[in-house]
């Protein structure tokens, strides 16, 4: 489970501020992360990025988003097995 990034160019070993706007059904407010791109994997129709997160929001809002992503990931794995 991941997220969609909109950017012209992302480079490895560069730091970025990522503005996260969770989907509406997550019921979580927008937040920002300070990250550094550690790796990029390019494929035919998409690219995957690995980020090291330096700062993230504290508190219930961010924890709710992490819980939501975990829930979505478990649903995806269940659907893949069926």
N, C-alpha and C. Protein backbone atom coordinates (compact mmCIF):
# COMPACT_ATOMS: atom_id res chain seq x y z
N UNK A 1 0.87 -1.17 0.00
CA UNK A 1 0.00 0.00 0.00
C UNK A 1 0.91 1.22 0.00
N UNK A 2 0.62 2.15 -0.84
CA UNK A 2 1.44 3.34 -0.94
C UNK A 2 0.59 4.56 -1.18
N UNK A 3 1.19 5.53 -1.85
CA UNK A 3 0.47 6.74 -2.17
C UNK A 3 0.94 7.22 -3.54
N UNK A 4 0.24 8.15 -4.09
CA UNK A 4 0.60 8.72 -5.39
C UNK A 4 1.34 10.03 -5.17
N UNK A 5 2.47 10.17 -5.85
CA UNK A 5 3.24 11.41 -5.79
C UNK A 5 3.13 12.13 -7.12
N UNK A 6 2.96 13.43 -7.05
CA UNK A 6 2.96 14.25 -8.26
C UNK A 6 4.21 15.12 -8.23
N UNK A 7 5.10 14.89 -9.18
CA UNK A 7 6.34 15.66 -9.22
C UNK A 7 6.95 15.55 -10.60
N UNK A 8 7.64 16.60 -11.02
CA UNK A 8 8.34 16.56 -12.29
C UNK A 8 9.59 15.69 -12.20
N UNK A 9 10.34 15.88 -11.14
CA UNK A 9 11.60 15.15 -10.98
C UNK A 9 11.83 14.86 -9.50
N UNK A 10 12.07 13.61 -9.19
CA UNK A 10 12.49 13.22 -7.85
C UNK A 10 13.83 12.54 -8.02
N UNK A 11 14.79 12.93 -7.21
CA UNK A 11 16.15 12.40 -7.31
C UNK A 11 16.54 11.72 -6.00
N UNK A 12 17.36 10.68 -6.11
CA UNK A 12 17.85 10.02 -4.90
C UNK A 12 18.77 10.96 -4.14
N UNK A 13 18.82 10.75 -2.84
CA UNK A 13 19.65 11.52 -1.92
C UNK A 13 19.29 13.00 -1.85
N UNK A 14 18.07 13.33 -2.25
CA UNK A 14 17.55 14.70 -2.14
C UNK A 14 16.44 14.72 -1.10
N UNK A 15 16.36 15.82 -0.36
CA UNK A 15 15.32 15.97 0.66
C UNK A 15 14.12 16.71 0.09
N UNK A 16 12.93 16.30 0.55
CA UNK A 16 11.68 16.88 0.07
C UNK A 16 10.71 17.06 1.22
N UNK A 17 9.77 17.95 1.03
CA UNK A 17 8.63 18.08 1.93
C UNK A 17 7.44 17.51 1.17
N UNK A 18 6.86 16.43 1.67
CA UNK A 18 5.74 15.77 1.01
C UNK A 18 4.45 16.18 1.72
N UNK A 19 3.53 16.73 0.96
CA UNK A 19 2.22 17.10 1.50
C UNK A 19 1.27 15.94 1.22
N UNK A 20 0.77 15.33 2.28
CA UNK A 20 -0.10 14.16 2.17
C UNK A 20 -1.55 14.60 2.34
N UNK A 21 -2.34 14.26 1.35
CA UNK A 21 -3.77 14.55 1.39
C UNK A 21 -4.50 13.21 1.32
N UNK A 22 -4.81 12.62 2.48
CA UNK A 22 -5.44 11.30 2.51
C UNK A 22 -6.79 11.31 1.80
N UNK A 23 -7.16 10.14 1.24
CA UNK A 23 -8.46 10.06 0.60
C UNK A 23 -9.55 10.35 1.62
N UNK A 24 -10.64 10.89 1.14
CA UNK A 24 -11.71 11.37 2.01
C UNK A 24 -12.23 10.31 2.99
N UNK A 25 -12.35 9.05 2.52
CA UNK A 25 -12.90 8.02 3.41
C UNK A 25 -11.97 7.63 4.55
N UNK A 26 -10.73 8.12 4.54
CA UNK A 26 -9.82 7.88 5.66
C UNK A 26 -10.20 8.72 6.88
N UNK A 27 -10.92 9.82 6.65
CA UNK A 27 -11.32 10.74 7.73
C UNK A 27 -10.10 11.24 8.52
N UNK A 28 -9.07 11.63 7.77
CA UNK A 28 -7.82 12.13 8.37
C UNK A 28 -7.47 13.44 7.69
N UNK A 29 -7.03 14.42 8.47
CA UNK A 29 -6.64 15.74 7.94
C UNK A 29 -5.32 15.65 7.17
N UNK A 30 -5.09 16.63 6.29
CA UNK A 30 -3.83 16.73 5.56
C UNK A 30 -2.67 16.90 6.55
N UNK A 31 -1.47 16.44 6.11
CA UNK A 31 -0.28 16.64 6.94
C UNK A 31 0.95 16.63 6.04
N UNK A 32 2.12 16.98 6.60
CA UNK A 32 3.36 17.03 5.84
C UNK A 32 4.40 16.10 6.45
N UNK A 33 5.27 15.58 5.58
CA UNK A 33 6.40 14.76 6.00
C UNK A 33 7.68 15.36 5.42
N UNK A 34 8.76 15.35 6.18
CA UNK A 34 10.08 15.71 5.66
C UNK A 34 10.78 14.40 5.36
N UNK A 35 11.17 14.20 4.08
CA UNK A 35 11.71 12.92 3.64
C UNK A 35 12.96 13.10 2.80
N UNK A 36 13.68 11.99 2.62
CA UNK A 36 14.80 11.94 1.68
C UNK A 36 14.58 10.72 0.80
N UNK A 37 14.68 10.89 -0.50
CA UNK A 37 14.51 9.78 -1.43
C UNK A 37 15.77 8.90 -1.36
N UNK A 38 15.59 7.62 -1.04
CA UNK A 38 16.73 6.71 -0.89
C UNK A 38 16.91 5.81 -2.12
N UNK A 39 15.81 5.49 -2.82
CA UNK A 39 15.92 4.66 -4.02
C UNK A 39 14.74 4.92 -4.95
N UNK A 40 14.96 4.62 -6.23
CA UNK A 40 13.93 4.75 -7.26
C UNK A 40 13.96 3.49 -8.12
N UNK A 41 12.79 2.91 -8.34
CA UNK A 41 12.67 1.74 -9.22
C UNK A 41 11.70 2.12 -10.34
N UNK A 42 12.23 2.23 -11.56
CA UNK A 42 11.40 2.59 -12.71
C UNK A 42 10.89 1.34 -13.40
N UNK A 43 9.61 1.36 -13.74
CA UNK A 43 8.98 0.28 -14.50
C UNK A 43 8.35 0.88 -15.74
N UNK A 44 7.74 0.03 -16.56
CA UNK A 44 7.14 0.53 -17.80
C UNK A 44 6.16 1.65 -17.59
N UNK A 45 5.20 1.43 -16.69
CA UNK A 45 4.10 2.37 -16.54
C UNK A 45 4.10 3.15 -15.23
N UNK A 46 5.10 2.90 -14.38
CA UNK A 46 5.15 3.62 -13.11
C UNK A 46 6.55 3.60 -12.53
N UNK A 47 6.74 4.41 -11.52
CA UNK A 47 7.99 4.43 -10.77
C UNK A 47 7.67 4.26 -9.30
N UNK A 48 8.53 3.53 -8.58
CA UNK A 48 8.38 3.37 -7.14
C UNK A 48 9.54 4.10 -6.46
N UNK A 49 9.24 4.71 -5.31
CA UNK A 49 10.24 5.48 -4.58
C UNK A 49 10.32 4.98 -3.14
N UNK A 50 11.52 4.92 -2.62
CA UNK A 50 11.70 4.59 -1.21
C UNK A 50 12.19 5.84 -0.49
N UNK A 51 11.47 6.24 0.55
CA UNK A 51 11.82 7.45 1.29
C UNK A 51 12.18 7.13 2.73
N UNK A 52 13.15 7.85 3.24
CA UNK A 52 13.41 7.85 4.67
C UNK A 52 12.67 9.06 5.22
N UNK A 53 11.88 8.85 6.25
CA UNK A 53 11.08 9.93 6.83
C UNK A 53 11.85 10.51 8.01
N UNK A 54 12.09 11.82 7.97
CA UNK A 54 12.83 12.49 9.04
C UNK A 54 11.90 13.10 10.08
N UNK A 55 10.83 13.71 9.64
CA UNK A 55 9.86 14.25 10.59
C UNK A 55 8.46 13.92 10.09
N UNK A 56 7.61 13.62 11.03
CA UNK A 56 6.21 13.34 10.73
C UNK A 56 5.38 13.94 11.85
N UNK A 57 4.11 14.15 11.59
CA UNK A 57 3.26 14.71 12.64
C UNK A 57 3.15 13.75 13.82
N UNK A 58 2.95 14.30 14.95
CA UNK A 58 2.73 13.50 16.15
C UNK A 58 1.24 13.51 16.46
N UNK A 59 0.81 12.56 17.21
CA UNK A 59 -0.56 12.60 17.70
C UNK A 59 -1.52 11.68 16.98
N UNK A 60 -2.76 11.84 17.37
CA UNK A 60 -3.82 10.93 16.96
C UNK A 60 -4.11 10.98 15.46
N UNK A 61 -4.08 12.15 14.84
CA UNK A 61 -4.39 12.27 13.42
C UNK A 61 -3.44 11.40 12.59
N UNK A 62 -2.14 11.51 12.84
CA UNK A 62 -1.17 10.72 12.09
C UNK A 62 -1.31 9.24 12.40
N UNK A 63 -1.51 8.88 13.65
CA UNK A 63 -1.69 7.47 14.02
C UNK A 63 -2.93 6.89 13.34
N UNK A 64 -4.00 7.69 13.24
CA UNK A 64 -5.19 7.23 12.54
C UNK A 64 -4.89 6.92 11.08
N UNK A 65 -4.04 7.74 10.45
CA UNK A 65 -3.69 7.50 9.06
C UNK A 65 -2.87 6.22 8.91
N UNK A 66 -1.91 6.02 9.81
CA UNK A 66 -1.11 4.79 9.78
C UNK A 66 -2.02 3.58 9.96
N UNK A 67 -2.96 3.66 10.90
CA UNK A 67 -3.91 2.56 11.11
C UNK A 67 -4.76 2.33 9.87
N UNK A 68 -5.19 3.40 9.21
CA UNK A 68 -6.00 3.29 8.01
C UNK A 68 -5.21 2.59 6.89
N UNK A 69 -3.95 2.97 6.70
CA UNK A 69 -3.13 2.33 5.67
C UNK A 69 -2.93 0.85 5.98
N UNK A 70 -2.74 0.52 7.23
CA UNK A 70 -2.61 -0.88 7.63
C UNK A 70 -3.88 -1.65 7.31
N UNK A 71 -5.03 -1.06 7.61
CA UNK A 71 -6.32 -1.68 7.32
C UNK A 71 -6.47 -1.91 5.82
N UNK A 72 -6.16 -0.88 5.02
CA UNK A 72 -6.28 -1.00 3.56
C UNK A 72 -5.33 -2.07 3.02
N UNK A 73 -4.14 -2.14 3.58
CA UNK A 73 -3.16 -3.13 3.15
C UNK A 73 -3.65 -4.54 3.44
N UNK A 74 -4.25 -4.75 4.60
CA UNK A 74 -4.76 -6.08 4.95
C UNK A 74 -5.92 -6.47 4.04
N UNK A 75 -6.76 -5.52 3.65
CA UNK A 75 -7.85 -5.80 2.71
C UNK A 75 -7.30 -6.21 1.35
N UNK A 76 -6.27 -5.50 0.91
CA UNK A 76 -5.67 -5.79 -0.38
C UNK A 76 -5.08 -7.20 -0.39
N UNK A 77 -4.37 -7.58 0.68
CA UNK A 77 -3.78 -8.91 0.76
C UNK A 77 -4.85 -9.99 0.77
N UNK A 78 -5.96 -9.75 1.48
CA UNK A 78 -7.06 -10.71 1.52
C UNK A 78 -7.65 -10.88 0.13
N UNK A 79 -7.85 -9.78 -0.58
CA UNK A 79 -8.41 -9.84 -1.94
C UNK A 79 -7.48 -10.55 -2.91
N UNK A 80 -6.18 -10.40 -2.73
CA UNK A 80 -5.20 -11.06 -3.61
C UNK A 80 -5.21 -12.57 -3.41
N UNK A 81 -5.46 -13.01 -2.18
CA UNK A 81 -5.49 -14.45 -1.89
C UNK A 81 -6.76 -15.11 -2.43
N UNK A 82 -7.84 -14.36 -2.55
CA UNK A 82 -9.12 -14.94 -3.00
C UNK A 82 -9.27 -14.94 -4.48
